[in-house]
Every structure is written in structure tokens, then in C-alpha cells.
PDB file of N, CA and C in Angstrom:
ATOM      1  N   MET A   1       3.988   0.597   9.137  1.00  0.00           N
ATOM      2  CA  MET A   1       2.685   0.141   8.911  1.00  0.00           C
ATOM      3  C   MET A   1       2.591  -1.333   8.549  1.00  0.00           C
ATOM      4  N   ALA A   2       1.718  -2.108   9.241  1.00  0.00           N
ATOM      5  CA  ALA A   2       1.582  -3.465   9.027  1.00  0.00           C
ATOM      6  C   ALA A   2       0.595  -3.712   7.979  1.00  0.00           C
ATOM      7  N   GLU A   3       0.818  -4.636   7.024  1.00  0.00           N
ATOM      8  CA  GLU A   3      -0.188  -4.965   6.014  1.00  0.00           C
ATOM      9  C   GLU A   3      -0.200  -6.449   5.612  1.00  0.00           C
ATOM     10  N   ARG A   4      -1.347  -6.855   5.122  1.00  0.00           N
ATOM     11  CA  ARG A   4      -1.399  -8.160   4.606  1.00  0.00           C
ATOM     12  C   ARG A   4      -2.042  -8.151   3.173  1.00  0.00           C
ATOM     13  N   ARG A   5      -1.515  -8.872   2.261  1.00  0.00           N
ATOM     14  CA  ARG A   5      -2.006  -8.993   0.899  1.00  0.00           C
ATOM     15  C   ARG A   5      -2.670 -10.360   0.754  1.00  0.00           C
ATOM     16  N   VAL A   6      -3.922 -10.337   0.343  1.00  0.00           N
ATOM     17  CA  VAL A   6      -4.687 -11.646   0.236  1.00  0.00           C
ATOM     18  C   VAL A   6      -5.564 -11.455  -1.016  1.00  0.00           C
ATOM     19  N   ASN A   7      -5.975 -12.698  -1.435  1.00  0.00           N
ATOM     20  CA  ASN A   7      -6.936 -12.774  -2.576  1.00  0.00           C
ATOM     21  C   ASN A   7      -8.282 -12.931  -1.893  1.00  0.00           C
ATOM     22  N   VAL A   8      -9.323 -12.378  -2.489  1.00  0.00           N
ATOM     23  CA  VAL A   8     -10.659 -12.433  -1.973  1.00  0.00           C
ATOM     24  C   VAL A   8     -11.200 -13.846  -2.284  1.00  0.00           C
ATOM     25  N   GLY A   9     -11.594 -14.562  -1.154  1.00  0.00           N
ATOM     26  CA  GLY A   9     -12.026 -15.920  -1.250  1.00  0.00           C
ATOM     27  C   GLY A   9     -13.545 -16.098  -1.596  1.00  0.00           C
ATOM     28  N   TRP A  10     -14.315 -15.122  -1.421  1.00  0.00           N
ATOM     29  CA  TRP A  10     -15.761 -15.178  -1.736  1.00  0.00           C
ATOM     30  C   TRP A  10     -15.801 -15.226  -3.273  1.00  0.00           C
ATOM     31  N   ALA A  11     -16.572 -16.081  -3.867  1.00  0.00           N
ATOM     32  CA  ALA A  11     -16.715 -16.191  -5.308  1.00  0.00           C
ATOM     33  C   ALA A  11     -17.272 -14.933  -5.842  1.00  0.00           C
ATOM     34  N   GLU A  12     -18.367 -14.412  -5.062  1.00  0.00           N
ATOM     35  CA  GLU A  12     -19.031 -13.157  -5.540  1.00  0.00           C
ATOM     36  C   GLU A  12     -18.210 -11.881  -5.128  1.00  0.00           C
ATOM     37  N   GLY A  13     -17.124 -11.958  -4.617  1.00  0.00           N
ATOM     38  CA  GLY A  13     -16.262 -10.849  -4.290  1.00  0.00           C
ATOM     39  C   GLY A  13     -16.816 -10.166  -2.983  1.00  0.00           C
ATOM     40  N   LEU A  14     -16.408  -8.977  -2.721  1.00  0.00           N
ATOM     41  CA  LEU A  14     -16.882  -8.208  -1.534  1.00  0.00           C
ATOM     42  C   LEU A  14     -18.095  -7.423  -1.848  1.00  0.00           C
ATOM     43  N   HIS A  15     -19.180  -8.069  -2.114  1.00  0.00           N
ATOM     44  CA  HIS A  15     -20.486  -7.569  -2.424  1.00  0.00           C
ATOM     45  C   HIS A  15     -21.497  -8.058  -1.340  1.00  0.00           C
ATOM     46  N   ALA A  16     -22.424  -7.098  -0.968  1.00  0.00           N
ATOM     47  CA  ALA A  16     -23.567  -7.408  -0.097  1.00  0.00           C
ATOM     48  C   ALA A  16     -23.215  -8.187   1.119  1.00  0.00           C
ATOM     49  N   ARG A  17     -23.621  -9.423   1.142  1.00  0.00           N
ATOM     50  CA  ARG A  17     -23.306 -10.299   2.393  1.00  0.00           C
ATOM     51  C   ARG A  17     -21.860 -10.457   2.728  1.00  0.00           C
ATOM     52  N   PRO A  18     -21.014 -10.700   1.821  1.00  0.00           N
ATOM     53  CA  PRO A  18     -19.495 -10.843   2.231  1.00  0.00           C
ATOM     54  C   PRO A  18     -18.927  -9.496   2.709  1.00  0.00           C
ATOM     55  N   ALA A  19     -19.442  -8.359   2.079  1.00  0.00           N
ATOM     56  CA  ALA A  19     -18.916  -7.017   2.589  1.00  0.00           C
ATOM     57  C   ALA A  19     -19.474  -6.759   3.935  1.00  0.00           C
ATOM     58  N   SER A  20     -20.720  -7.122   4.273  1.00  0.00           N
ATOM     59  CA  SER A  20     -21.267  -7.019   5.546  1.00  0.00           C
ATOM     60  C   SER A  20     -20.459  -7.766   6.635  1.00  0.00           C
ATOM     61  N   ILE A  21     -20.178  -9.026   6.292  1.00  0.00           N
ATOM     62  CA  ILE A  21     -19.374  -9.883   7.208  1.00  0.00           C
ATOM     63  C   ILE A  21     -18.065  -9.193   7.461  1.00  0.00           C
ATOM     64  N   PHE A  22     -17.362  -8.745   6.388  1.00  0.00           N
ATOM     65  CA  PHE A  22     -16.027  -8.172   6.566  1.00  0.00           C
ATOM     66  C   PHE A  22     -16.071  -6.907   7.370  1.00  0.00           C
ATOM     67  N   VAL A  23     -17.086  -6.012   7.080  1.00  0.00           N
ATOM     68  CA  VAL A  23     -17.136  -4.789   7.843  1.00  0.00           C
ATOM     69  C   VAL A  23     -17.405  -5.030   9.334  1.00  0.00           C
ATOM     70  N   ARG A  24     -18.299  -5.971   9.635  1.00  0.00           N
ATOM     71  CA  ARG A  24     -18.564  -6.287  11.060  1.00  0.00           C
ATOM     72  C   ARG A  24     -17.284  -6.813  11.689  1.00  0.00           C
ATOM     73  N   ALA A  25     -16.532  -7.680  10.962  1.00  0.00           N
ATOM     74  CA  ALA A  25     -15.193  -8.249  11.458  1.00  0.00           C
ATOM     75  C   ALA A  25     -14.252  -7.122  11.662  1.00  0.00           C
ATOM     76  N   ALA A  26     -14.131  -6.279  10.741  1.00  0.00           N
ATOM     77  CA  ALA A  26     -13.120  -5.183  10.769  1.00  0.00           C
ATOM     78  C   ALA A  26     -13.467  -4.182  12.020  1.00  0.00           C
ATOM     79  N   THR A  27     -14.718  -3.956  12.252  1.00  0.00           N
ATOM     80  CA  THR A  27     -15.134  -3.121  13.381  1.00  0.00           C
ATOM     81  C   THR A  27     -14.788  -3.788  14.688  1.00  0.00           C
ATOM     82  N   ALA A  28     -15.016  -5.117  14.625  1.00  0.00           N
ATOM     83  CA  ALA A  28     -14.825  -5.906  15.870  1.00  0.00           C
ATOM     84  C   ALA A  28     -13.347  -6.043  16.313  1.00  0.00           C
ATOM     85  N   THR A  29     -12.417  -5.795  15.374  1.00  0.00           N
ATOM     86  CA  THR A  29     -11.019  -5.806  15.768  1.00  0.00           C
ATOM     87  C   THR A  29     -10.595  -4.734  16.792  1.00  0.00           C
ATOM     88  N   GLY A  30     -11.383  -3.639  16.781  1.00  0.00           N
ATOM     89  CA  GLY A  30     -11.096  -2.571  17.627  1.00  0.00           C
ATOM     90  C   GLY A  30      -9.843  -1.664  17.179  1.00  0.00           C
ATOM     91  N   VAL A  31      -9.371  -1.882  16.073  1.00  0.00           N
ATOM     92  CA  VAL A  31      -8.193  -1.109  15.566  1.00  0.00           C
ATOM     93  C   VAL A  31      -8.632  -0.464  14.127  1.00  0.00           C
ATOM     94  N   PRO A  32      -8.160   0.709  13.831  1.00  0.00           N
ATOM     95  CA  PRO A  32      -8.451   1.289  12.510  1.00  0.00           C
ATOM     96  C   PRO A  32      -7.648   0.496  11.395  1.00  0.00           C
ATOM     97  N   VAL A  33      -8.463  -0.038  10.509  1.00  0.00           N
ATOM     98  CA  VAL A  33      -7.905  -0.870   9.406  1.00  0.00           C
ATOM     99  C   VAL A  33      -8.350  -0.220   8.108  1.00  0.00           C
ATOM    100  N   THR A  34      -7.481  -0.251   7.130  1.00  0.00           N
ATOM    101  CA  THR A  34      -7.899   0.178   5.721  1.00  0.00           C
ATOM    102  C   THR A  34      -7.831  -1.061   4.823  1.00  0.00           C
ATOM    103  N   ILE A  35      -8.558  -0.942   3.791  1.00  0.00           N
ATOM    104  CA  ILE A  35      -8.552  -1.949   2.673  1.00  0.00           C
ATOM    105  C   ILE A  35      -8.437  -1.329   1.381  1.00  0.00           C
ATOM    106  N   ALA A  36      -7.766  -1.894   0.464  1.00  0.00           N
ATOM    107  CA  ALA A  36      -7.598  -1.340  -0.876  1.00  0.00           C
ATOM    108  C   ALA A  36      -7.321  -2.424  -1.854  1.00  0.00           C
ATOM    109  N   LYS A  37      -7.718  -2.239  -3.134  1.00  0.00           N
ATOM    110  CA  LYS A  37      -7.322  -3.087  -4.205  1.00  0.00           C
ATOM    111  C   LYS A  37      -5.787  -2.931  -4.290  1.00  0.00           C
ATOM    112  N   ALA A  38      -5.054  -3.959  -4.783  1.00  0.00           N
ATOM    113  CA  ALA A  38      -3.669  -3.756  -4.963  1.00  0.00           C
ATOM    114  C   ALA A  38      -3.388  -2.594  -5.893  1.00  0.00           C
ATOM    115  N   GLY A  39      -2.582  -1.683  -5.430  1.00  0.00           N
ATOM    116  CA  GLY A  39      -2.215  -0.512  -6.236  1.00  0.00           C
ATOM    117  C   GLY A  39      -3.215   0.639  -6.162  1.00  0.00           C
ATOM    118  N   GLY A  40      -4.400   0.443  -5.399  1.00  0.00           N
ATOM    119  CA  GLY A  40      -5.385   1.395  -5.332  1.00  0.00           C
ATOM    120  C   GLY A  40      -5.344   2.219  -4.010  1.00  0.00           C
ATOM    121  N   ASP A  41      -6.262   3.127  -3.858  1.00  0.00           N
ATOM    122  CA  ASP A  41      -6.321   4.018  -2.709  1.00  0.00           C
ATOM    123  C   ASP A  41      -7.037   3.192  -1.568  1.00  0.00           C
ATOM    124  N   PRO A  42      -6.459   3.301  -0.357  1.00  0.00           N
ATOM    125  CA  PRO A  42      -7.104   2.654   0.768  1.00  0.00           C
ATOM    126  C   PRO A  42      -8.356   3.346   1.323  1.00  0.00           C
ATOM    127  N   VAL A  43      -9.260   2.505   1.750  1.00  0.00           N
ATOM    128  CA  VAL A  43     -10.532   3.104   2.346  1.00  0.00           C
ATOM    129  C   VAL A  43     -10.727   2.468   3.704  1.00  0.00           C
ATOM    130  N   ASN A  44     -11.574   3.090   4.572  1.00  0.00           N
ATOM    131  CA  ASN A  44     -11.868   2.651   5.840  1.00  0.00           C
ATOM    132  C   ASN A  44     -12.603   1.299   5.774  1.00  0.00           C
ATOM    133  N   ALA A  45     -11.955   0.243   6.380  1.00  0.00           N
ATOM    134  CA  ALA A  45     -12.506  -1.088   6.274  1.00  0.00           C
ATOM    135  C   ALA A  45     -13.746  -1.302   7.184  1.00  0.00           C
ATOM    136  N   ALA A  46     -14.022  -0.325   8.002  1.00  0.00           N
ATOM    137  CA  ALA A  46     -15.251  -0.397   8.916  1.00  0.00           C
ATOM    138  C   ALA A  46     -16.455   0.362   8.222  1.00  0.00           C
ATOM    139  N   SER A  47     -16.239   0.813   6.992  1.00  0.00           N
ATOM    140  CA  SER A  47     -17.364   1.574   6.287  1.00  0.00           C
ATOM    141  C   SER A  47     -17.965   0.665   5.203  1.00  0.00           C
ATOM    142  N   MET A  48     -19.237   0.308   5.326  1.00  0.00           N
ATOM    143  CA  MET A  48     -19.893  -0.638   4.300  1.00  0.00           C
ATOM    144  C   MET A  48     -19.853   0.072   2.933  1.00  0.00           C
ATOM    145  N   LEU A  49     -20.133   1.350   2.832  1.00  0.00           N
ATOM    146  CA  LEU A  49     -20.116   2.023   1.605  1.00  0.00           C
ATOM    147  C   LEU A  49     -18.797   2.048   0.930  1.00  0.00           C
ATOM    148  N   ALA A  50     -17.788   2.239   1.708  1.00  0.00           N
ATOM    149  CA  ALA A  50     -16.390   2.332   1.149  1.00  0.00           C
ATOM    150  C   ALA A  50     -15.954   0.945   0.706  1.00  0.00           C
ATOM    151  N   VAL A  51     -16.317  -0.092   1.437  1.00  0.00           N
ATOM    152  CA  VAL A  51     -15.960  -1.456   1.044  1.00  0.00           C
ATOM    153  C   VAL A  51     -16.704  -1.885  -0.223  1.00  0.00           C
ATOM    154  N   LEU A  52     -17.948  -1.568  -0.309  1.00  0.00           N
ATOM    155  CA  LEU A  52     -18.714  -1.896  -1.532  1.00  0.00           C
ATOM    156  C   LEU A  52     -18.201  -1.053  -2.720  1.00  0.00           C
ATOM    157  N   GLY A  53     -17.734   0.206  -2.492  1.00  0.00           N
ATOM    158  CA  GLY A  53     -17.245   0.981  -3.493  1.00  0.00           C
ATOM    159  C   GLY A  53     -15.964   0.440  -4.115  1.00  0.00           C
ATOM    160  N   LEU A  54     -15.257  -0.372  -3.394  1.00  0.00           N
ATOM    161  CA  LEU A  54     -14.010  -0.958  -3.957  1.00  0.00           C
ATOM    162  C   LEU A  54     -14.320  -1.839  -5.233  1.00  0.00           C
ATOM    163  N   GLY A  55     -15.496  -2.504  -5.101  1.00  0.00           N
ATOM    164  CA  GLY A  55     -15.877  -3.407  -6.299  1.00  0.00           C
ATOM    165  C   GLY A  55     -14.858  -4.543  -6.347  1.00  0.00           C
ATOM    166  N   ALA A  56     -14.365  -5.037  -5.230  1.00  0.00           N
ATOM    167  CA  ALA A  56     -13.384  -6.215  -5.230  1.00  0.00           C
ATOM    168  C   ALA A  56     -14.055  -7.472  -5.660  1.00  0.00           C
ATOM    169  N   GLN A  57     -13.525  -8.093  -6.655  1.00  0.00           N
ATOM    170  CA  GLN A  57     -14.078  -9.371  -7.223  1.00  0.00           C
ATOM    171  C   GLN A  57     -13.443 -10.580  -6.525  1.00  0.00           C
ATOM    172  N   GLY A  58     -14.106 -11.700  -6.670  1.00  0.00           N
ATOM    173  CA  GLY A  58     -13.487 -12.911  -6.155  1.00  0.00           C
ATOM    174  C   GLY A  58     -12.112 -13.277  -6.795  1.00  0.00           C
ATOM    175  N   GLY A  59     -11.191 -13.618  -6.025  1.00  0.00           N
ATOM    176  CA  GLY A  59      -9.836 -13.912  -6.520  1.00  0.00           C
ATOM    177  C   GLY A  59      -8.938 -12.739  -6.755  1.00  0.00           C
ATOM    178  N   GLU A  60      -9.492 -11.479  -6.572  1.00  0.00           N
ATOM    179  CA  GLU A  60      -8.708 -10.241  -6.743  1.00  0.00           C
ATOM    180  C   GLU A  60      -7.900 -10.031  -5.467  1.00  0.00           C
ATOM    181  N   GLU A  61      -6.648  -9.484  -5.712  1.00  0.00           N
ATOM    182  CA  GLU A  61      -5.808  -9.137  -4.530  1.00  0.00           C
ATOM    183  C   GLU A  61      -6.211  -7.920  -3.835  1.00  0.00           C
ATOM    184  N   ILE A  62      -6.265  -7.902  -2.546  1.00  0.00           N
ATOM    185  CA  ILE A  62      -6.569  -6.736  -1.722  1.00  0.00           C
ATOM    186  C   ILE A  62      -5.521  -6.585  -0.739  1.00  0.00           C
ATOM    187  N   VAL A  63      -5.332  -5.390  -0.182  1.00  0.00           N
ATOM    188  CA  VAL A  63      -4.308  -5.075   0.851  1.00  0.00           C
ATOM    189  C   VAL A  63      -5.039  -4.557   2.112  1.00  0.00           C
ATOM    190  N   LEU A  64      -4.816  -5.222   3.202  1.00  0.00           N
ATOM    191  CA  LEU A  64      -5.342  -4.767   4.532  1.00  0.00           C
ATOM    192  C   LEU A  64      -4.151  -4.186   5.212  1.00  0.00           C
ATOM    193  N   ALA A  65      -4.440  -2.941   5.809  1.00  0.00           N
ATOM    194  CA  ALA A  65      -3.287  -2.248   6.549  1.00  0.00           C
ATOM    195  C   ALA A  65      -3.704  -1.545   7.726  1.00  0.00           C
ATOM    196  N   THR A  66      -2.806  -1.365   8.660  1.00  0.00           N
ATOM    197  CA  THR A  66      -3.096  -0.491   9.839  1.00  0.00           C
ATOM    198  C   THR A  66      -1.762  -0.072  10.400  1.00  0.00           C
ATOM    199  N   ASP A  67      -1.760   1.079  11.069  1.00  0.00           N
ATOM    200  CA  ASP A  67      -0.468   1.494  11.678  1.00  0.00           C
ATOM    201  C   ASP A  67      -0.705   1.538  13.260  1.00  0.00           C
ATOM    202  N   ALA A  68      -1.794   0.840  13.721  1.00  0.00           N
ATOM    203  CA  ALA A  68      -2.117   0.763  15.163  1.00  0.00           C
ATOM    204  C   ALA A  68      -1.101  -0.238  15.816  1.00  0.00           C
ATOM    205  N   GLU A  69      -0.719   0.036  17.027  1.00  0.00           N
ATOM    206  CA  GLU A  69       0.266  -0.689  17.807  1.00  0.00           C
ATOM    207  C   GLU A  69      -0.267  -2.054  18.015  1.00  0.00           C
ATOM    208  N   GLY A  70       0.582  -3.110  17.700  1.00  0.00           N
ATOM    209  CA  GLY A  70       0.217  -4.489  17.975  1.00  0.00           C
ATOM    210  C   GLY A  70      -1.017  -5.016  17.261  1.00  0.00           C
ATOM    211  N   ALA A  71      -1.158  -4.572  16.012  1.00  0.00           N
ATOM    212  CA  ALA A  71      -2.441  -4.954  15.263  1.00  0.00           C
ATOM    213  C   ALA A  71      -2.168  -6.172  14.343  1.00  0.00           C
ATOM    214  N   ASP A  72      -1.045  -6.803  14.463  1.00  0.00           N
ATOM    215  CA  ASP A  72      -0.719  -7.949  13.616  1.00  0.00           C
ATOM    216  C   ASP A  72      -1.832  -9.039  13.819  1.00  0.00           C
ATOM    217  N   ALA A  73      -2.221  -9.295  14.961  1.00  0.00           N
ATOM    218  CA  ALA A  73      -3.230 -10.449  15.161  1.00  0.00           C
ATOM    219  C   ALA A  73      -4.588 -10.006  14.534  1.00  0.00           C
ATOM    220  N   ALA A  74      -4.978  -8.791  14.618  1.00  0.00           N
ATOM    221  CA  ALA A  74      -6.186  -8.327  13.901  1.00  0.00           C
ATOM    222  C   ALA A  74      -6.076  -8.531  12.347  1.00  0.00           C
ATOM    223  N   LEU A  75      -4.974  -8.106  11.839  1.00  0.00           N
ATOM    224  CA  LEU A  75      -4.731  -8.196  10.367  1.00  0.00           C
ATOM    225  C   LEU A  75      -4.756  -9.692  10.012  1.00  0.00           C
ATOM    226  N   ASP A  76      -4.032 -10.563  10.794  1.00  0.00           N
ATOM    227  CA  ASP A  76      -4.026 -11.992  10.489  1.00  0.00           C
ATOM    228  C   ASP A  76      -5.477 -12.569  10.431  1.00  0.00           C
ATOM    229  N   ARG A  77      -6.276 -12.256  11.452  1.00  0.00           N
ATOM    230  CA  ARG A  77      -7.657 -12.722  11.404  1.00  0.00           C
ATOM    231  C   ARG A  77      -8.445 -12.220  10.265  1.00  0.00           C
ATOM    232  N   LEU A  78      -8.384 -10.918   9.947  1.00  0.00           N
ATOM    233  CA  LEU A  78      -9.064 -10.427   8.806  1.00  0.00           C
ATOM    234  C   LEU A  78      -8.632 -11.032   7.403  1.00  0.00           C
ATOM    235  N   ALA A  79      -7.247 -11.235   7.382  1.00  0.00           N
ATOM    236  CA  ALA A  79      -6.767 -11.777   6.169  1.00  0.00           C
ATOM    237  C   ALA A  79      -7.317 -13.255   6.043  1.00  0.00           C
ATOM    238  N   LYS A  80      -7.369 -13.997   7.064  1.00  0.00           N
ATOM    239  CA  LYS A  80      -7.917 -15.410   7.030  1.00  0.00           C
ATOM    240  C   LYS A  80      -9.431 -15.369   6.653  1.00  0.00           C
ATOM    241  N   LEU A  81     -10.158 -14.414   7.154  1.00  0.00           N
ATOM    242  CA  LEU A  81     -11.519 -14.270   6.883  1.00  0.00           C
ATOM    243  C   LEU A  81     -11.785 -14.038   5.325  1.00  0.00           C
ATOM    244  N   VAL A  82     -10.957 -13.100   4.816  1.00  0.00           N
ATOM    245  CA  VAL A  82     -11.156 -12.739   3.440  1.00  0.00           C
ATOM    246  C   VAL A  82     -10.675 -13.858   2.465  1.00  0.00           C
ATOM    247  N   SER A  83      -9.456 -14.382   2.729  1.00  0.00           N
ATOM    248  CA  SER A  83      -8.898 -15.395   1.845  1.00  0.00           C
ATOM    249  C   SER A  83      -9.645 -16.642   1.802  1.00  0.00           C
ATOM    250  N   GLU A  84     -10.236 -17.012   2.919  1.00  0.00           N
ATOM    251  CA  GLU A  84     -10.990 -18.318   3.015  1.00  0.00           C
ATOM    252  C   GLU A  84     -12.487 -18.109   2.757  1.00  0.00           C
ATOM    253  N   GLY A  85     -12.957 -16.826   2.637  1.00  0.00           N
ATOM    254  CA  GLY A  85     -14.393 -16.587   2.372  1.00  0.00           C
ATOM    255  C   GLY A  85     -15.179 -17.082   3.533  1.00  0.00           C
ATOM    256  N   LEU A  86     -14.793 -16.865   4.793  1.00  0.00           N
ATOM    257  CA  LEU A  86     -15.451 -17.357   5.941  1.00  0.00           C
ATOM    258  C   LEU A  86     -16.767 -16.620   6.253  1.00  0.00           C
ATOM    259  N   GLU A  87     -17.567 -17.200   7.032  1.00  0.00           N
ATOM    260  CA  GLU A  87     -18.906 -16.561   7.424  1.00  0.00           C
ATOM    261  C   GLU A  87     -18.787 -15.713   8.675  1.00  0.00           C
ATOM    262  N   GLU A  88     -17.690 -15.835   9.356  1.00  0.00           N
ATOM    263  CA  GLU A  88     -17.409 -14.935  10.562  1.00  0.00           C
ATOM    264  C   GLU A  88     -16.003 -14.915  10.875  1.00  0.00           C
ATOM    265  N   LEU A  89     -15.595 -13.904  11.655  1.00  0.00           N
ATOM    266  CA  LEU A  89     -14.201 -13.713  12.079  1.00  0.00           C
ATOM    267  C   LEU A  89     -13.693 -14.837  12.871  1.00  0.00           C
ATOM    268  N   PRO A  90     -12.576 -15.382  12.500  1.00  0.00           N
ATOM    269  CA  PRO A  90     -12.051 -16.540  13.250  1.00  0.00           C
ATOM    270  C   PRO A  90     -11.620 -16.100  14.672  1.00  0.00           C
ATOM    271  N   GLU A  91     -11.777 -16.989  15.692  1.00  0.00           N
ATOM    272  CA  GLU A  91     -11.404 -16.640  17.019  1.00  0.00           C
ATOM    273  C   GLU A  91      -9.774 -16.683  17.110  1.00  0.00           C
ATOM    274  N   THR A  92      -9.259 -17.658  16.472  1.00  0.00           N
ATOM    275  CA  THR A  92      -7.780 -17.799  16.361  1.00  0.00           C
ATOM    276  C   THR A  92      -7.335 -18.077  15.006  1.00  0.00           C
ATOM    277  N   VAL A  93      -6.044 -17.847  14.745  1.00  0.00           N
ATOM    278  CA  VAL A  93      -5.488 -17.990  13.478  1.00  0.00           C
ATOM    279  C   VAL A  93      -4.747 -19.346  13.392  1.00  0.00           C
TER     280      VAL A  93
END
């Protein structure tokens, strides 16, 4: 299983607008990705309710993971999005 550990770059955490950006980006990767707080249970990264339910705060560590074949690029892009608090999924890393 591939995973990336990153700190949430949005000051407000993964709430409302940032969560929406993240969920759209996770869905756009085309691979099943999970997200979890460090040490917590993983949830579907493409589910708005699941991501909001994490309650991830700005600066808090999260874990992105997938067991899909060749998903390293997708995880790298999502990790960059979250860690830098970007407004959209980066085309390249």
C-alpha cells in the first residue's frame, strides 16, 4: 500500500471549501484513495461527508493511502494539494 503523510496546509483545516476542493481532486485521480488522521481510521477520500467527519485541522497530520496499481503520481498530487493548501489539483508535481 502506497501512502503519503502530510500536514494540512489550509489554515481552516479540511472544512467546507477546502474539503470540497480535496474531494473533487481525489475523485479526479481515478483511483480509490483513503484519508485518515495520523493513527486514525481511514475513510473514503471521495466522500464529502467522510472527509468533513475527520475534523482535520490546519497543521494536523493526515495520511493519504491507496493500494491501486501505479497510484504514486495521484498520491503525490493530492499530497501537494493538501500540504500547500492549493485551490485546485496541480497538473504536475
